[in-house]
Amino acid sequence: MREMSLAAKVRKKKSSTEKKKIAAGYIYPNLLNRNFNAFFPNHKWVMDVTEITFCDTKIYVSALMDLFNRSL
């Protein structure tokens, strides 16, 4: 990596305020308990949010999926 002038990006440690939020109960409980089967539409939805850094700007991409027919 040194020969090609490459360097790894090291993430910052979580701040103490983030740790306090986690300790204060801001994490939601697991309501599905790994049961990803739905028997009718709009009964169970799951979501994922991803943070991407592009040109020194943070972009958030999210996807919402209905577990009945796996539609996005």
PDB file of N, CA and C in Angstrom:
ATOM      1  N   MET A   1       0.821  -1.182   0.000  1.00  0.00           N
ATOM      2  CA  MET A   1       0.000   0.000   0.000  1.00  0.00           C
ATOM      3  C   MET A   1       0.869   1.251   0.000  1.00  0.00           C
ATOM      4  N   ARG A   2       1.980   1.191   0.694  1.00  0.00           N
ATOM      5  CA  ARG A   2       2.858   2.346   0.760  1.00  0.00           C
ATOM      6  C   ARG A   2       3.414   2.678  -0.619  1.00  0.00           C
ATOM      7  N   GLU A   3       3.756   1.636  -1.394  1.00  0.00           N
ATOM      8  CA  GLU A   3       4.300   1.865  -2.729  1.00  0.00           C
ATOM      9  C   GLU A   3       3.301   2.575  -3.629  1.00  0.00           C
ATOM     10  N   MET A   4       2.030   2.339  -3.415  1.00  0.00           N
ATOM     11  CA  MET A   4       0.997   2.949  -4.247  1.00  0.00           C
ATOM     12  C   MET A   4       0.390   4.190  -3.592  1.00  0.00           C
ATOM     13  N   SER A   5       0.971   4.642  -2.492  1.00  0.00           N
ATOM     14  CA  SER A   5       0.509   5.823  -1.747  1.00  0.00           C
ATOM     15  C   SER A   5      -0.944   5.684  -1.300  1.00  0.00           C
ATOM     16  N   LEU A   6      -1.293   4.502  -0.821  1.00  0.00           N
ATOM     17  CA  LEU A   6      -2.641   4.262  -0.323  1.00  0.00           C
ATOM     18  C   LEU A   6      -2.635   4.273   1.195  1.00  0.00           C
ATOM     19  N   ALA A   7      -3.720   4.756   1.768  1.00  0.00           N
ATOM     20  CA  ALA A   7      -3.844   4.782   3.221  1.00  0.00           C
ATOM     21  C   ALA A   7      -5.250   4.337   3.600  1.00  0.00           C
ATOM     22  N   ALA A   8      -5.356   3.632   4.694  1.00  0.00           N
ATOM     23  CA  ALA A   8      -6.650   3.169   5.173  1.00  0.00           C
ATOM     24  C   ALA A   8      -7.343   4.284   5.938  1.00  0.00           C
ATOM     25  N   LYS A   9      -8.661   4.339   5.810  1.00  0.00           N
ATOM     26  CA  LYS A   9      -9.437   5.285   6.599  1.00  0.00           C
ATOM     27  C   LYS A   9      -9.839   4.590   7.891  1.00  0.00           C
ATOM     28  N   VAL A  10      -9.543   5.204   9.007  1.00  0.00           N
ATOM     29  CA  VAL A  10      -9.872   4.641  10.310  1.00  0.00           C
ATOM     30  C   VAL A  10     -11.058   5.418  10.854  1.00  0.00           C
ATOM     31  N   ARG A  11     -12.101   4.698  11.234  1.00  0.00           N
ATOM     32  CA  ARG A  11     -13.287   5.353  11.766  1.00  0.00           C
ATOM     33  C   ARG A  11     -13.017   5.915  13.151  1.00  0.00           C
ATOM     34  N   LYS A  12     -13.700   7.009  13.447  1.00  0.00           N
ATOM     35  CA  LYS A  12     -13.599   7.586  14.777  1.00  0.00           C
ATOM     36  C   LYS A  12     -14.349   6.709  15.768  1.00  0.00           C
ATOM     37  N   LYS A  13     -13.896   6.708  17.005  1.00  0.00           N
ATOM     38  CA  LYS A  13     -14.613   5.988  18.048  1.00  0.00           C
ATOM     39  C   LYS A  13     -15.921   6.718  18.336  1.00  0.00           C
ATOM     40  N   LYS A  14     -16.914   5.981  18.803  1.00  0.00           N
ATOM     41  CA  LYS A  14     -18.186   6.596  19.143  1.00  0.00           C
ATOM     42  C   LYS A  14     -17.988   7.562  20.300  1.00  0.00           C
ATOM     43  N   SER A  15     -18.664   8.687  20.209  1.00  0.00           N
ATOM     44  CA  SER A  15     -18.538   9.683  21.267  1.00  0.00           C
ATOM     45  C   SER A  15     -19.270   9.209  22.518  1.00  0.00           C
ATOM     46  N   SER A  16     -18.997   9.872  23.598  1.00  0.00           N
ATOM     47  CA  SER A  16     -19.624   9.477  24.860  1.00  0.00           C
ATOM     48  C   SER A  16     -21.126   9.736  24.824  1.00  0.00           C
ATOM     49  N   THR A  17     -21.582  10.732  24.036  1.00  0.00           N
ATOM     50  CA  THR A  17     -23.022  10.982  23.954  1.00  0.00           C
ATOM     51  C   THR A  17     -23.727   9.842  23.225  1.00  0.00           C
ATOM     52  N   GLU A  18     -23.080   9.264  22.207  1.00  0.00           N
ATOM     53  CA  GLU A  18     -23.681   8.124  21.513  1.00  0.00           C
ATOM     54  C   GLU A  18     -23.769   6.925  22.446  1.00  0.00           C
ATOM     55  N   LYS A  19     -22.734   6.714  23.240  1.00  0.00           N
ATOM     56  CA  LYS A  19     -22.756   5.603  24.191  1.00  0.00           C
ATOM     57  C   LYS A  19     -23.855   5.810  25.228  1.00  0.00           C
ATOM     58  N   LYS A  20     -24.068   7.063  25.646  1.00  0.00           N
ATOM     59  CA  LYS A  20     -25.116   7.357  26.623  1.00  0.00           C
ATOM     60  C   LYS A  20     -26.493   7.095  26.029  1.00  0.00           C
ATOM     61  N   LYS A  21     -26.682   7.435  24.738  1.00  0.00           N
ATOM     62  CA  LYS A  21     -27.967   7.174  24.090  1.00  0.00           C
ATOM     63  C   LYS A  21     -28.253   5.678  24.055  1.00  0.00           C
ATOM     64  N   ILE A  22     -27.233   4.886  23.753  1.00  0.00           N
ATOM     65  CA  ILE A  22     -27.415   3.439  23.714  1.00  0.00           C
ATOM     66  C   ILE A  22     -27.746   2.925  25.112  1.00  0.00           C
ATOM     67  N   ALA A  23     -27.045   3.435  26.113  1.00  0.00           N
ATOM     68  CA  ALA A  23     -27.283   3.000  27.487  1.00  0.00           C
ATOM     69  C   ALA A  23     -28.647   3.467  27.989  1.00  0.00           C
ATOM     70  N   ALA A  24     -29.151   4.589  27.446  1.00  0.00           N
ATOM     71  CA  ALA A  24     -30.425   5.134  27.904  1.00  0.00           C
ATOM     72  C   ALA A  24     -31.622   4.398  27.310  1.00  0.00           C
ATOM     73  N   GLY A  25     -31.391   3.466  26.403  1.00  0.00           N
ATOM     74  CA  GLY A  25     -32.491   2.679  25.871  1.00  0.00           C
ATOM     75  C   GLY A  25     -33.017   3.153  24.538  1.00  0.00           C
ATOM     76  N   TYR A  26     -32.202   3.768  23.704  1.00  0.00           N
ATOM     77  CA  TYR A  26     -32.639   4.230  22.396  1.00  0.00           C
ATOM     78  C   TYR A  26     -32.606   3.115  21.355  1.00  0.00           C
ATOM     79  N   ILE A  27     -32.235   1.925  21.728  1.00  0.00           N
ATOM     80  CA  ILE A  27     -32.242   0.796  20.810  1.00  0.00           C
ATOM     81  C   ILE A  27     -33.592   0.098  20.954  1.00  0.00           C
ATOM     82  N   TYR A  28     -34.260  -0.091  19.833  1.00  0.00           N
ATOM     83  CA  TYR A  28     -35.586  -0.693  19.859  1.00  0.00           C
ATOM     84  C   TYR A  28     -35.496  -2.206  20.031  1.00  0.00           C
ATOM     85  N   PRO A  29     -36.481  -2.800  20.656  1.00  0.00           N
ATOM     86  CA  PRO A  29     -36.454  -4.259  20.860  1.00  0.00           C
ATOM     87  C   PRO A  29     -36.675  -5.005  19.548  1.00  0.00           C
ATOM     88  N   ASN A  30     -36.251  -6.247  19.506  1.00  0.00           N
ATOM     89  CA  ASN A  30     -36.412  -7.106  18.340  1.00  0.00           C
ATOM     90  C   ASN A  30     -37.831  -7.671  18.370  1.00  0.00           C
ATOM     91  N   LEU A  31     -38.742  -7.034  17.642  1.00  0.00           N
ATOM     92  CA  LEU A  31     -40.143  -7.445  17.673  1.00  0.00           C
ATOM     93  C   LEU A  31     -40.418  -8.658  16.796  1.00  0.00           C
ATOM     94  N   LEU A  32     -39.606  -8.869  15.763  1.00  0.00           N
ATOM     95  CA  LEU A  32     -39.838  -9.992  14.856  1.00  0.00           C
ATOM     96  C   LEU A  32     -39.292 -11.308  15.397  1.00  0.00           C
ATOM     97  N   ASN A  33     -38.291 -11.248  16.238  1.00  0.00           N
ATOM     98  CA  ASN A  33     -37.643 -12.454  16.776  1.00  0.00           C
ATOM     99  C   ASN A  33     -37.270 -13.436  15.671  1.00  0.00           C
ATOM    100  N   ARG A  34     -36.724 -12.903  14.575  1.00  0.00           N
ATOM    101  CA  ARG A  34     -36.250 -13.674  13.416  1.00  0.00           C
ATOM    102  C   ARG A  34     -37.370 -14.443  12.718  1.00  0.00           C
ATOM    103  N   ASN A  35     -38.621 -14.050  12.932  1.00  0.00           N
ATOM    104  CA  ASN A  35     -39.753 -14.640  12.216  1.00  0.00           C
ATOM    105  C   ASN A  35     -40.088 -13.714  11.047  1.00  0.00           C
ATOM    106  N   PHE A  36     -39.515 -13.987   9.875  1.00  0.00           N
ATOM    107  CA  PHE A  36     -39.642 -13.112   8.723  1.00  0.00           C
ATOM    108  C   PHE A  36     -40.755 -13.548   7.774  1.00  0.00           C
ATOM    109  N   ASN A  37     -41.707 -14.315   8.244  1.00  0.00           N
ATOM    110  CA  ASN A  37     -42.839 -14.741   7.422  1.00  0.00           C
ATOM    111  C   ASN A  37     -44.042 -13.868   7.747  1.00  0.00           C
ATOM    112  N   ALA A  38     -44.707 -13.373   6.697  1.00  0.00           N
ATOM    113  CA  ALA A  38     -45.934 -12.603   6.869  1.00  0.00           C
ATOM    114  C   ALA A  38     -47.030 -13.290   6.064  1.00  0.00           C
ATOM    115  N   PHE A  39     -48.245 -13.332   6.607  1.00  0.00           N
ATOM    116  CA  PHE A  39     -49.331 -14.059   5.960  1.00  0.00           C
ATOM    117  C   PHE A  39     -50.301 -13.155   5.210  1.00  0.00           C
ATOM    118  N   PHE A  40     -50.130 -11.827   5.334  1.00  0.00           N
ATOM    119  CA  PHE A  40     -50.922 -10.901   4.531  1.00  0.00           C
ATOM    120  C   PHE A  40     -50.126  -9.615   4.352  1.00  0.00           C
ATOM    121  N   PRO A  41     -50.431  -8.847   3.285  1.00  0.00           N
ATOM    122  CA  PRO A  41     -49.644  -7.652   2.954  1.00  0.00           C
ATOM    123  C   PRO A  41     -49.698  -6.596   4.060  1.00  0.00           C
ATOM    124  N   ASN A  42     -48.640  -5.808   4.134  1.00  0.00           N
ATOM    125  CA  ASN A  42     -48.514  -4.674   5.057  1.00  0.00           C
ATOM    126  C   ASN A  42     -48.604  -5.075   6.529  1.00  0.00           C
ATOM    127  N   HIS A  43     -48.286  -6.303   6.820  1.00  0.00           N
ATOM    128  CA  HIS A  43     -48.291  -6.755   8.213  1.00  0.00           C
ATOM    129  C   HIS A  43     -46.910  -6.583   8.846  1.00  0.00           C
ATOM    130  N   LYS A  44     -45.860  -6.936   8.097  1.00  0.00           N
ATOM    131  CA  LYS A  44     -44.489  -6.804   8.591  1.00  0.00           C
ATOM    132  C   LYS A  44     -43.638  -6.126   7.530  1.00  0.00           C
ATOM    133  N   TRP A  45     -42.999  -5.044   7.930  1.00  0.00           N
ATOM    134  CA  TRP A  45     -42.067  -4.333   7.059  1.00  0.00           C
ATOM    135  C   TRP A  45     -40.706  -4.321   7.735  1.00  0.00           C
ATOM    136  N   VAL A  46     -39.658  -4.377   6.938  1.00  0.00           N
ATOM    137  CA  VAL A  46     -38.297  -4.229   7.451  1.00  0.00           C
ATOM    138  C   VAL A  46     -37.608  -3.136   6.645  1.00  0.00           C
ATOM    139  N   MET A  47     -36.605  -2.511   7.265  1.00  0.00           N
ATOM    140  CA  MET A  47     -35.932  -1.378   6.628  1.00  0.00           C
ATOM    141  C   MET A  47     -34.446  -1.422   6.936  1.00  0.00           C
ATOM    142  N   ASP A  48     -33.664  -0.937   5.983  1.00  0.00           N
ATOM    143  CA  ASP A  48     -32.224  -0.820   6.175  1.00  0.00           C
ATOM    144  C   ASP A  48     -31.795   0.559   5.708  1.00  0.00           C
ATOM    145  N   VAL A  49     -30.906   1.193   6.459  1.00  0.00           N
ATOM    146  CA  VAL A  49     -30.360   2.499   6.098  1.00  0.00           C
ATOM    147  C   VAL A  49     -28.852   2.361   6.024  1.00  0.00           C
ATOM    148  N   THR A  50     -28.277   2.831   4.924  1.00  0.00           N
ATOM    149  CA  THR A  50     -26.836   2.768   4.717  1.00  0.00           C
ATOM    150  C   THR A  50     -26.308   4.175   4.491  1.00  0.00           C
ATOM    151  N   GLU A  51     -25.194   4.489   5.140  1.00  0.00           N
ATOM    152  CA  GLU A  51     -24.554   5.792   4.971  1.00  0.00           C
ATOM    153  C   GLU A  51     -23.387   5.646   4.010  1.00  0.00           C
ATOM    154  N   ILE A  52     -23.366   6.479   2.965  1.00  0.00           N
ATOM    155  CA  ILE A  52     -22.302   6.456   1.965  1.00  0.00           C
ATOM    156  C   ILE A  52     -21.668   7.837   1.928  1.00  0.00           C
ATOM    157  N   THR A  53     -20.343   7.895   1.969  1.00  0.00           N
ATOM    158  CA  THR A  53     -19.642   9.163   1.829  1.00  0.00           C
ATOM    159  C   THR A  53     -19.244   9.330   0.376  1.00  0.00           C
ATOM    160  N   PHE A  54     -19.690  10.427  -0.230  1.00  0.00           N
ATOM    161  CA  PHE A  54     -19.430  10.699  -1.641  1.00  0.00           C
ATOM    162  C   PHE A  54     -19.038  12.160  -1.774  1.00  0.00           C
ATOM    163  N   CYS A  55     -17.819  12.405  -2.241  1.00  0.00           N
ATOM    164  CA  CYS A  55     -17.315  13.782  -2.420  1.00  0.00           C
ATOM    165  C   CYS A  55     -17.470  14.598  -1.137  1.00  0.00           C
ATOM    166  N   ASP A  56     -17.021  14.056  -0.034  1.00  0.00           N
ATOM    167  CA  ASP A  56     -17.075  14.712   1.279  1.00  0.00           C
ATOM    168  C   ASP A  56     -18.495  15.053   1.728  1.00  0.00           C
ATOM    169  N   THR A  57     -19.482  14.348   1.196  1.00  0.00           N
ATOM    170  CA  THR A  57     -20.870  14.537   1.587  1.00  0.00           C
ATOM    171  C   THR A  57     -21.447  13.188   1.985  1.00  0.00           C
ATOM    172  N   LYS A  58     -22.194  13.166   3.064  1.00  0.00           N
ATOM    173  CA  LYS A  58     -22.830  11.923   3.490  1.00  0.00           C
ATOM    174  C   LYS A  58     -24.169  11.775   2.779  1.00  0.00           C
ATOM    175  N   ILE A  59     -24.374  10.606   2.190  1.00  0.00           N
ATOM    176  CA  ILE A  59     -25.621  10.279   1.511  1.00  0.00           C
ATOM    177  C   ILE A  59     -26.217   9.078   2.232  1.00  0.00           C
ATOM    178  N   TYR A  60     -27.519   9.127   2.483  1.00  0.00           N
ATOM    179  CA  TYR A  60     -28.198   8.025   3.148  1.00  0.00           C
ATOM    180  C   TYR A  60     -29.113   7.322   2.147  1.00  0.00           C
ATOM    181  N   VAL A  61     -28.937   6.020   2.013  1.00  0.00           N
ATOM    182  CA  VAL A  61     -29.752   5.204   1.126  1.00  0.00           C
ATOM    183  C   VAL A  61     -30.578   4.274   2.004  1.00  0.00           C
ATOM    184  N   SER A  62     -31.877   4.238   1.764  1.00  0.00           N
ATOM    185  CA  SER A  62     -32.720   3.363   2.575  1.00  0.00           C
ATOM    186  C   SER A  62     -33.609   2.512   1.677  1.00  0.00           C
ATOM    187  N   ALA A  63     -33.928   1.337   2.167  1.00  0.00           N
ATOM    188  CA  ALA A  63     -34.822   0.426   1.458  1.00  0.00           C
ATOM    189  C   ALA A  63     -35.844  -0.112   2.449  1.00  0.00           C
ATOM    190  N   LEU A  64     -37.091  -0.144   2.024  1.00  0.00           N
ATOM    191  CA  LEU A  64     -38.188  -0.642   2.840  1.00  0.00           C
ATOM    192  C   LEU A  64     -38.791  -1.844   2.121  1.00  0.00           C
ATOM    193  N   MET A  65     -38.954  -2.968   2.830  1.00  0.00           N
ATOM    194  CA  MET A  65     -39.439  -4.190   2.192  1.00  0.00           C
ATOM    195  C   MET A  65     -40.629  -4.758   2.962  1.00  0.00           C
ATOM    196  N   ASP A  66     -41.665  -5.137   2.206  1.00  0.00           N
ATOM    197  CA  ASP A  66     -42.815  -5.833   2.769  1.00  0.00           C
ATOM    198  C   ASP A  66     -42.481  -7.320   2.799  1.00  0.00           C
ATOM    199  N   LEU A  67     -42.559  -7.942   3.952  1.00  0.00           N
ATOM    200  CA  LEU A  67     -42.161  -9.342   4.080  1.00  0.00           C
ATOM    201  C   LEU A  67     -43.176 -10.324   3.499  1.00  0.00           C
ATOM    202  N   PHE A  68     -44.371  -9.855   3.152  1.00  0.00           N
ATOM    203  CA  PHE A  68     -45.368 -10.755   2.568  1.00  0.00           C
ATOM    204  C   PHE A  68     -44.934 -11.236   1.187  1.00  0.00           C
ATOM    205  N   ASN A  69     -44.583 -10.283   0.298  1.00  0.00           N
ATOM    206  CA  ASN A  69     -44.190 -10.665  -1.061  1.00  0.00           C
ATOM    207  C   ASN A  69     -42.786 -10.188  -1.423  1.00  0.00           C
ATOM    208  N   ARG A  70     -42.045  -9.713  -0.434  1.00  0.00           N
ATOM    209  CA  ARG A  70     -40.660  -9.272  -0.600  1.00  0.00           C
ATOM    210  C   ARG A  70     -40.529  -8.094  -1.569  1.00  0.00           C
ATOM    211  N   SER A  71     -41.568  -7.286  -1.707  1.00  0.00           N
ATOM    212  CA  SER A  71     -41.500  -6.129  -2.603  1.00  0.00           C
ATOM    213  C   SER A  71     -40.828  -4.965  -1.885  1.00  0.00           C
ATOM    214  N   LEU A  72     -40.087  -4.161  -2.655  1.00  0.00           N
ATOM    215  CA  LEU A  72     -39.390  -2.993  -2.107  1.00  0.00           C
ATOM    216  C   LEU A  72     -40.216  -1.749  -2.317  1.00  0.00           C
TER     217      LEU A  72
END
